[in-house]
């Protein structure tokens, strides 16, 4: 049974949304996929928060004062992360092996050094998903 997590990532202060996306998708993830090998998830999906340029006319956010999220419900401060990443593993054992791999001191140090270039690591959040129900149009 697949084992799926959601990861919420925020860019490093001083990094634009475009710089963050370009580095994360174009440099970090290809490098990490090669490093991780068989420990890489079966699927890695990046979903970026839609941001606009300009002052916020509603809500308040300290992290994104000039790049507000396009929101329908909630406040700007609730959407200060930049990307929601879905990581799907073959099963719980695959996830556990992957997690052990990235916790090895030498691997963890390499990953941390690269993440410091673009990521506000202290704001990273991760949660395991339970049952997933999907519906499509008739």
N, C-alpha and C. Protein backbone atom coordinates (compact mmCIF):
# COMPACT_ATOMS: atom_id res chain seq x y z
N UNK A 1 0.84 -1.18 0.00
CA UNK A 1 0.00 0.00 0.00
C UNK A 1 0.89 1.24 0.00
N UNK A 2 0.65 2.21 -0.89
CA UNK A 2 1.49 3.41 -0.93
C UNK A 2 1.49 4.15 0.41
N UNK A 3 2.58 4.82 0.68
CA UNK A 3 2.76 5.61 1.89
C UNK A 3 3.04 7.02 1.41
N UNK A 4 2.19 7.98 1.78
CA UNK A 4 2.26 9.32 1.21
C UNK A 4 2.41 10.37 2.30
N UNK A 5 3.28 11.34 2.04
CA UNK A 5 3.46 12.47 2.95
C UNK A 5 3.24 13.77 2.19
N UNK A 6 2.86 14.80 2.94
CA UNK A 6 2.80 16.16 2.42
C UNK A 6 3.88 16.95 3.14
N UNK A 7 4.65 17.71 2.38
CA UNK A 7 5.71 18.54 2.95
C UNK A 7 5.43 19.98 2.55
N UNK A 8 5.49 20.89 3.51
CA UNK A 8 5.28 22.31 3.28
C UNK A 8 6.63 23.00 3.39
N UNK A 9 7.07 23.64 2.31
CA UNK A 9 8.38 24.27 2.27
C UNK A 9 8.25 25.77 2.05
N UNK A 10 9.13 26.52 2.71
CA UNK A 10 9.16 27.98 2.59
C UNK A 10 10.54 28.42 2.13
N UNK A 11 10.55 29.41 1.27
CA UNK A 11 11.82 29.90 0.75
C UNK A 11 12.57 30.70 1.81
N UNK A 12 13.87 30.76 1.64
CA UNK A 12 14.76 31.51 2.52
C UNK A 12 14.46 33.00 2.35
N UNK A 13 14.44 33.77 3.45
CA UNK A 13 14.23 35.21 3.32
C UNK A 13 15.24 35.82 2.34
N UNK A 14 14.76 36.74 1.51
CA UNK A 14 15.61 37.36 0.51
C UNK A 14 15.61 36.63 -0.82
N UNK A 15 14.96 35.48 -0.87
CA UNK A 15 14.86 34.69 -2.10
C UNK A 15 13.48 34.93 -2.71
N UNK A 16 13.43 35.24 -3.99
CA UNK A 16 12.14 35.46 -4.65
C UNK A 16 11.46 34.12 -4.90
N UNK A 17 10.14 34.14 -5.09
CA UNK A 17 9.46 32.89 -5.43
C UNK A 17 10.05 32.23 -6.67
N UNK A 18 10.41 33.01 -7.67
CA UNK A 18 10.98 32.45 -8.90
C UNK A 18 12.36 31.83 -8.64
N UNK A 19 13.20 32.51 -7.87
CA UNK A 19 14.52 31.96 -7.53
C UNK A 19 14.37 30.65 -6.76
N UNK A 20 13.44 30.64 -5.82
CA UNK A 20 13.18 29.44 -5.03
C UNK A 20 12.78 28.28 -5.93
N UNK A 21 11.78 28.51 -6.77
CA UNK A 21 11.27 27.47 -7.66
C UNK A 21 12.36 26.98 -8.61
N UNK A 22 13.11 27.91 -9.19
CA UNK A 22 14.16 27.52 -10.14
C UNK A 22 15.23 26.66 -9.47
N UNK A 23 15.64 27.02 -8.26
CA UNK A 23 16.68 26.24 -7.60
C UNK A 23 16.14 24.90 -7.11
N UNK A 24 14.98 24.94 -6.48
CA UNK A 24 14.42 23.70 -5.93
C UNK A 24 14.15 22.68 -7.03
N UNK A 25 13.43 23.10 -8.06
CA UNK A 25 13.06 22.17 -9.13
C UNK A 25 14.21 21.88 -10.09
N UNK A 26 15.05 22.89 -10.34
CA UNK A 26 16.07 22.74 -11.37
C UNK A 26 17.42 22.25 -10.89
N UNK A 27 17.73 22.45 -9.62
CA UNK A 27 19.04 22.04 -9.10
C UNK A 27 18.94 21.05 -7.94
N UNK A 28 18.23 21.46 -6.90
CA UNK A 28 18.19 20.63 -5.69
C UNK A 28 17.59 19.25 -5.94
N UNK A 29 16.41 19.20 -6.53
CA UNK A 29 15.74 17.90 -6.68
C UNK A 29 16.46 16.97 -7.66
N UNK A 30 16.96 17.43 -8.80
CA UNK A 30 17.74 16.50 -9.63
C UNK A 30 18.97 15.96 -8.90
N UNK A 31 19.65 16.83 -8.14
CA UNK A 31 20.82 16.41 -7.36
C UNK A 31 20.40 15.39 -6.30
N UNK A 32 19.31 15.71 -5.58
CA UNK A 32 18.87 14.81 -4.51
C UNK A 32 18.38 13.47 -5.06
N UNK A 33 17.70 13.48 -6.18
CA UNK A 33 17.22 12.23 -6.78
C UNK A 33 18.39 11.31 -7.09
N UNK A 34 19.47 11.89 -7.61
CA UNK A 34 20.66 11.09 -7.90
C UNK A 34 21.31 10.58 -6.61
N UNK A 35 21.40 11.45 -5.61
CA UNK A 35 21.99 11.08 -4.33
C UNK A 35 21.19 9.96 -3.66
N UNK A 36 19.87 10.08 -3.68
CA UNK A 36 19.00 9.13 -2.97
C UNK A 36 18.88 7.78 -3.68
N UNK A 37 18.99 7.76 -4.98
CA UNK A 37 18.88 6.49 -5.71
C UNK A 37 17.58 5.77 -5.39
N UNK A 38 17.66 4.53 -4.94
CA UNK A 38 16.46 3.73 -4.67
C UNK A 38 15.66 4.26 -3.47
N UNK A 39 16.24 5.18 -2.70
CA UNK A 39 15.53 5.76 -1.56
C UNK A 39 14.63 6.91 -1.97
N UNK A 40 14.71 7.33 -3.23
CA UNK A 40 13.86 8.42 -3.71
C UNK A 40 12.42 7.92 -3.78
N UNK A 41 11.45 8.80 -3.48
CA UNK A 41 10.06 8.36 -3.56
C UNK A 41 9.66 7.94 -4.97
N UNK A 42 8.62 7.14 -5.06
CA UNK A 42 8.10 6.71 -6.35
C UNK A 42 7.57 7.92 -7.12
N UNK A 43 6.91 8.84 -6.41
CA UNK A 43 6.41 10.08 -7.01
C UNK A 43 6.79 11.24 -6.12
N UNK A 44 7.17 12.34 -6.77
CA UNK A 44 7.51 13.58 -6.08
C UNK A 44 6.80 14.68 -6.85
N UNK A 45 5.77 15.27 -6.25
CA UNK A 45 4.96 16.27 -6.94
C UNK A 45 5.09 17.60 -6.20
N UNK A 46 5.44 18.65 -6.93
CA UNK A 46 5.57 19.99 -6.36
C UNK A 46 4.36 20.82 -6.80
N UNK A 47 3.66 21.40 -5.82
CA UNK A 47 2.52 22.29 -6.11
C UNK A 47 2.83 23.64 -5.47
N UNK A 48 3.09 24.63 -6.32
CA UNK A 48 3.50 25.95 -5.85
C UNK A 48 2.30 26.84 -5.57
N UNK A 49 2.42 27.64 -4.51
CA UNK A 49 1.41 28.63 -4.19
C UNK A 49 1.45 29.72 -5.26
N UNK A 50 0.29 30.07 -5.81
CA UNK A 50 0.23 31.14 -6.81
C UNK A 50 0.42 32.48 -6.09
N UNK A 51 1.42 33.22 -6.51
CA UNK A 51 1.71 34.51 -5.90
C UNK A 51 1.67 35.60 -6.96
N UNK A 52 1.29 36.80 -6.53
CA UNK A 52 1.29 37.96 -7.41
C UNK A 52 2.35 38.93 -6.91
N UNK A 53 2.65 39.92 -7.70
CA UNK A 53 3.62 40.95 -7.29
C UNK A 53 2.86 42.21 -6.94
N UNK A 54 3.28 42.87 -5.90
CA UNK A 54 2.66 44.12 -5.52
C UNK A 54 2.21 44.10 -4.08
N UNK A 55 1.80 45.27 -3.59
CA UNK A 55 1.40 45.35 -2.18
C UNK A 55 0.12 44.57 -1.92
N UNK A 56 -0.01 44.15 -0.70
CA UNK A 56 -1.20 43.41 -0.28
C UNK A 56 -2.27 44.42 0.12
N UNK A 57 -3.44 44.26 -0.44
CA UNK A 57 -4.55 45.14 -0.10
C UNK A 57 -5.48 44.49 0.92
N UNK A 58 -5.15 43.29 1.33
CA UNK A 58 -5.97 42.56 2.28
C UNK A 58 -5.07 41.63 3.09
N UNK A 59 -5.43 41.41 4.32
CA UNK A 59 -4.64 40.48 5.14
C UNK A 59 -3.30 41.06 5.54
N UNK A 60 -2.50 40.21 6.15
CA UNK A 60 -1.20 40.64 6.64
C UNK A 60 -0.25 39.46 6.61
N UNK A 61 0.95 39.70 6.14
CA UNK A 61 1.99 38.68 6.16
C UNK A 61 3.34 39.36 6.28
N UNK A 62 4.18 38.85 7.13
CA UNK A 62 5.52 39.40 7.27
C UNK A 62 6.47 38.78 6.27
N UNK A 63 6.22 37.54 5.88
CA UNK A 63 7.14 36.84 4.98
C UNK A 63 6.94 37.21 3.51
N UNK A 64 5.73 37.57 3.13
CA UNK A 64 5.43 37.83 1.72
C UNK A 64 4.72 39.16 1.51
N UNK A 65 5.28 40.27 2.00
CA UNK A 65 4.57 41.54 1.89
C UNK A 65 4.40 42.03 0.45
N UNK A 66 5.28 41.63 -0.47
CA UNK A 66 5.15 42.09 -1.85
C UNK A 66 4.85 40.96 -2.83
N UNK A 67 4.64 39.75 -2.31
CA UNK A 67 4.29 38.61 -3.17
C UNK A 67 3.16 37.81 -2.51
N UNK A 68 1.97 38.43 -2.42
CA UNK A 68 0.87 37.75 -1.74
C UNK A 68 0.36 36.53 -2.50
N UNK A 69 -0.13 35.57 -1.74
CA UNK A 69 -0.77 34.40 -2.32
C UNK A 69 -2.15 34.80 -2.84
N UNK A 70 -2.61 34.12 -3.85
CA UNK A 70 -3.97 34.31 -4.35
C UNK A 70 -4.86 33.39 -3.52
N UNK A 71 -5.62 33.98 -2.60
CA UNK A 71 -6.41 33.16 -1.67
C UNK A 71 -7.90 33.45 -1.83
N UNK A 72 -8.71 32.45 -1.54
CA UNK A 72 -10.15 32.60 -1.53
C UNK A 72 -10.69 32.56 -0.12
N UNK A 73 -10.10 31.73 0.73
CA UNK A 73 -10.49 31.61 2.13
C UNK A 73 -9.23 31.59 2.97
N UNK A 74 -9.27 32.22 4.14
CA UNK A 74 -8.11 32.22 5.01
C UNK A 74 -7.39 33.56 4.95
N UNK A 75 -6.24 33.60 5.59
CA UNK A 75 -5.45 34.83 5.64
C UNK A 75 -4.11 34.62 4.95
N UNK A 76 -3.48 35.72 4.57
CA UNK A 76 -2.17 35.64 3.94
C UNK A 76 -1.17 34.89 4.81
N UNK A 77 -1.19 35.17 6.11
CA UNK A 77 -0.23 34.54 7.02
C UNK A 77 -0.36 33.01 7.04
N UNK A 78 -1.55 32.50 6.73
CA UNK A 78 -1.75 31.05 6.70
C UNK A 78 -1.15 30.40 5.45
N UNK A 79 -0.74 31.22 4.49
CA UNK A 79 -0.19 30.70 3.23
C UNK A 79 1.20 31.25 2.98
N UNK A 80 2.00 31.34 4.02
CA UNK A 80 3.36 31.85 3.88
C UNK A 80 4.35 30.81 3.37
N UNK A 81 3.95 29.57 3.24
CA UNK A 81 4.83 28.57 2.62
C UNK A 81 4.76 28.76 1.11
N UNK A 82 5.70 28.18 0.39
CA UNK A 82 5.79 28.40 -1.05
C UNK A 82 5.39 27.21 -1.90
N UNK A 83 5.55 26.02 -1.37
CA UNK A 83 5.24 24.82 -2.15
C UNK A 83 4.74 23.73 -1.22
N UNK A 84 3.77 22.97 -1.72
CA UNK A 84 3.29 21.77 -1.03
C UNK A 84 3.79 20.60 -1.87
N UNK A 85 4.57 19.75 -1.25
CA UNK A 85 5.18 18.63 -1.96
C UNK A 85 4.51 17.33 -1.52
N UNK A 86 4.09 16.54 -2.48
CA UNK A 86 3.54 15.22 -2.20
C UNK A 86 4.64 14.21 -2.49
N UNK A 87 4.97 13.41 -1.48
CA UNK A 87 5.96 12.35 -1.64
C UNK A 87 5.24 11.02 -1.48
N UNK A 88 5.28 10.22 -2.52
CA UNK A 88 4.63 8.91 -2.46
C UNK A 88 5.69 7.82 -2.52
N UNK A 89 5.67 6.96 -1.51
CA UNK A 89 6.60 5.83 -1.41
C UNK A 89 5.85 4.54 -1.71
N UNK A 90 6.58 3.49 -2.06
CA UNK A 90 5.96 2.19 -2.36
C UNK A 90 5.11 1.72 -1.18
N UNK A 91 5.66 1.88 0.02
CA UNK A 91 4.99 1.44 1.23
C UNK A 91 5.73 2.05 2.42
N UNK A 92 5.26 1.74 3.63
CA UNK A 92 5.88 2.30 4.84
C UNK A 92 7.34 1.89 4.97
N UNK A 93 7.67 0.68 4.57
CA UNK A 93 9.06 0.21 4.65
C UNK A 93 9.97 1.04 3.74
N UNK A 94 9.48 1.38 2.55
CA UNK A 94 10.25 2.22 1.63
C UNK A 94 10.48 3.60 2.25
N UNK A 95 9.43 4.17 2.85
CA UNK A 95 9.57 5.46 3.52
C UNK A 95 10.59 5.38 4.66
N UNK A 96 10.48 4.36 5.50
CA UNK A 96 11.39 4.21 6.64
C UNK A 96 12.84 4.07 6.18
N UNK A 97 13.07 3.30 5.12
CA UNK A 97 14.43 3.16 4.59
C UNK A 97 14.94 4.48 4.04
N UNK A 98 14.06 5.24 3.39
CA UNK A 98 14.44 6.55 2.85
C UNK A 98 14.78 7.52 3.97
N UNK A 99 13.94 7.50 5.01
CA UNK A 99 14.17 8.40 6.14
C UNK A 99 15.48 8.07 6.84
N UNK A 100 15.76 6.79 7.04
CA UNK A 100 17.04 6.38 7.65
C UNK A 100 18.21 6.82 6.78
N UNK A 101 18.05 6.70 5.48
CA UNK A 101 19.11 7.10 4.55
C UNK A 101 19.44 8.59 4.72
N UNK A 102 18.42 9.45 4.72
CA UNK A 102 18.70 10.89 4.80
C UNK A 102 19.11 11.33 6.20
N UNK A 103 18.94 10.48 7.20
CA UNK A 103 19.38 10.81 8.55
C UNK A 103 20.83 10.43 8.82
N UNK A 104 21.46 9.72 7.90
CA UNK A 104 22.88 9.39 8.08
C UNK A 104 23.66 10.71 8.15
N UNK A 105 24.58 10.85 9.09
CA UNK A 105 25.26 12.13 9.28
C UNK A 105 25.87 12.74 8.02
N UNK A 106 26.55 11.95 7.21
CA UNK A 106 27.17 12.52 6.01
C UNK A 106 26.13 12.95 4.98
N UNK A 107 25.06 12.19 4.82
CA UNK A 107 23.99 12.54 3.88
C UNK A 107 23.23 13.75 4.40
N UNK A 108 22.87 13.73 5.68
CA UNK A 108 22.14 14.85 6.29
C UNK A 108 22.91 16.15 6.15
N UNK A 109 24.22 16.11 6.32
CA UNK A 109 25.05 17.31 6.19
C UNK A 109 25.04 17.84 4.76
N UNK A 110 25.12 16.96 3.79
CA UNK A 110 25.08 17.38 2.38
C UNK A 110 23.74 18.00 2.03
N UNK A 111 22.66 17.36 2.47
CA UNK A 111 21.32 17.87 2.18
C UNK A 111 21.12 19.22 2.86
N UNK A 112 21.51 19.34 4.12
CA UNK A 112 21.35 20.60 4.85
C UNK A 112 22.13 21.72 4.18
N UNK A 113 23.35 21.45 3.76
CA UNK A 113 24.17 22.48 3.11
C UNK A 113 23.51 22.98 1.84
N UNK A 114 22.93 22.08 1.06
CA UNK A 114 22.28 22.52 -0.17
C UNK A 114 20.97 23.25 0.14
N UNK A 115 20.21 22.77 1.10
CA UNK A 115 18.94 23.42 1.45
C UNK A 115 19.15 24.82 2.00
N UNK A 116 20.27 25.07 2.66
CA UNK A 116 20.55 26.40 3.19
C UNK A 116 20.62 27.45 2.08
N UNK A 117 20.85 27.04 0.86
CA UNK A 117 20.94 27.97 -0.27
C UNK A 117 19.60 28.61 -0.63
N UNK A 118 18.50 27.91 -0.35
CA UNK A 118 17.21 28.39 -0.86
C UNK A 118 16.04 28.21 0.10
N UNK A 119 16.21 27.42 1.14
CA UNK A 119 15.10 26.98 1.98
C UNK A 119 15.21 27.54 3.39
N UNK A 120 14.08 27.95 3.96
CA UNK A 120 14.00 28.30 5.37
C UNK A 120 13.69 27.00 6.10
N UNK A 121 14.73 26.26 6.46
CA UNK A 121 14.58 24.90 6.99
C UNK A 121 13.76 24.84 8.27
N UNK A 122 13.80 25.90 9.07
CA UNK A 122 13.05 25.91 10.32
C UNK A 122 11.54 25.95 10.14
N UNK A 123 11.10 26.30 8.94
CA UNK A 123 9.66 26.38 8.66
C UNK A 123 9.13 25.13 7.96
N UNK A 124 9.99 24.16 7.67
CA UNK A 124 9.56 22.94 6.98
C UNK A 124 8.63 22.13 7.87
N UNK A 125 7.54 21.67 7.28
CA UNK A 125 6.57 20.85 7.99
C UNK A 125 6.27 19.62 7.14
N UNK A 126 6.00 18.49 7.79
CA UNK A 126 5.70 17.25 7.06
C UNK A 126 4.65 16.47 7.83
N UNK A 127 3.70 15.91 7.10
CA UNK A 127 2.63 15.12 7.71
C UNK A 127 2.37 13.90 6.83
N UNK A 128 2.03 12.79 7.48
CA UNK A 128 1.69 11.56 6.77
C UNK A 128 0.19 11.61 6.45
N UNK A 129 -0.14 11.28 5.21
CA UNK A 129 -1.55 11.24 4.81
C UNK A 129 -2.15 9.88 5.13
N UNK A 130 -3.42 9.89 5.44
CA UNK A 130 -4.16 8.65 5.63
C UNK A 130 -4.81 8.26 4.31
N UNK A 131 -6.03 7.84 4.41
CA UNK A 131 -6.77 7.41 3.22
C UNK A 131 -6.88 8.54 2.21
N UNK A 132 -6.68 8.21 0.95
CA UNK A 132 -6.82 9.19 -0.13
C UNK A 132 -8.00 8.76 -0.98
N UNK A 133 -8.96 9.66 -1.14
CA UNK A 133 -10.13 9.40 -1.97
C UNK A 133 -10.09 10.39 -3.12
N UNK A 134 -10.15 9.90 -4.32
CA UNK A 134 -10.06 10.75 -5.50
C UNK A 134 -11.33 10.61 -6.33
N UNK A 135 -11.84 11.74 -6.79
CA UNK A 135 -13.01 11.72 -7.67
C UNK A 135 -12.64 12.45 -8.95
N UNK A 136 -13.18 12.00 -10.04
CA UNK A 136 -12.96 12.66 -11.32
C UNK A 136 -14.30 13.07 -11.90
N UNK A 137 -14.26 13.93 -12.89
CA UNK A 137 -15.49 14.37 -13.54
C UNK A 137 -16.18 13.18 -14.20
N UNK A 138 -17.51 13.22 -14.27
CA UNK A 138 -18.23 12.11 -14.90
C UNK A 138 -17.92 12.02 -16.39
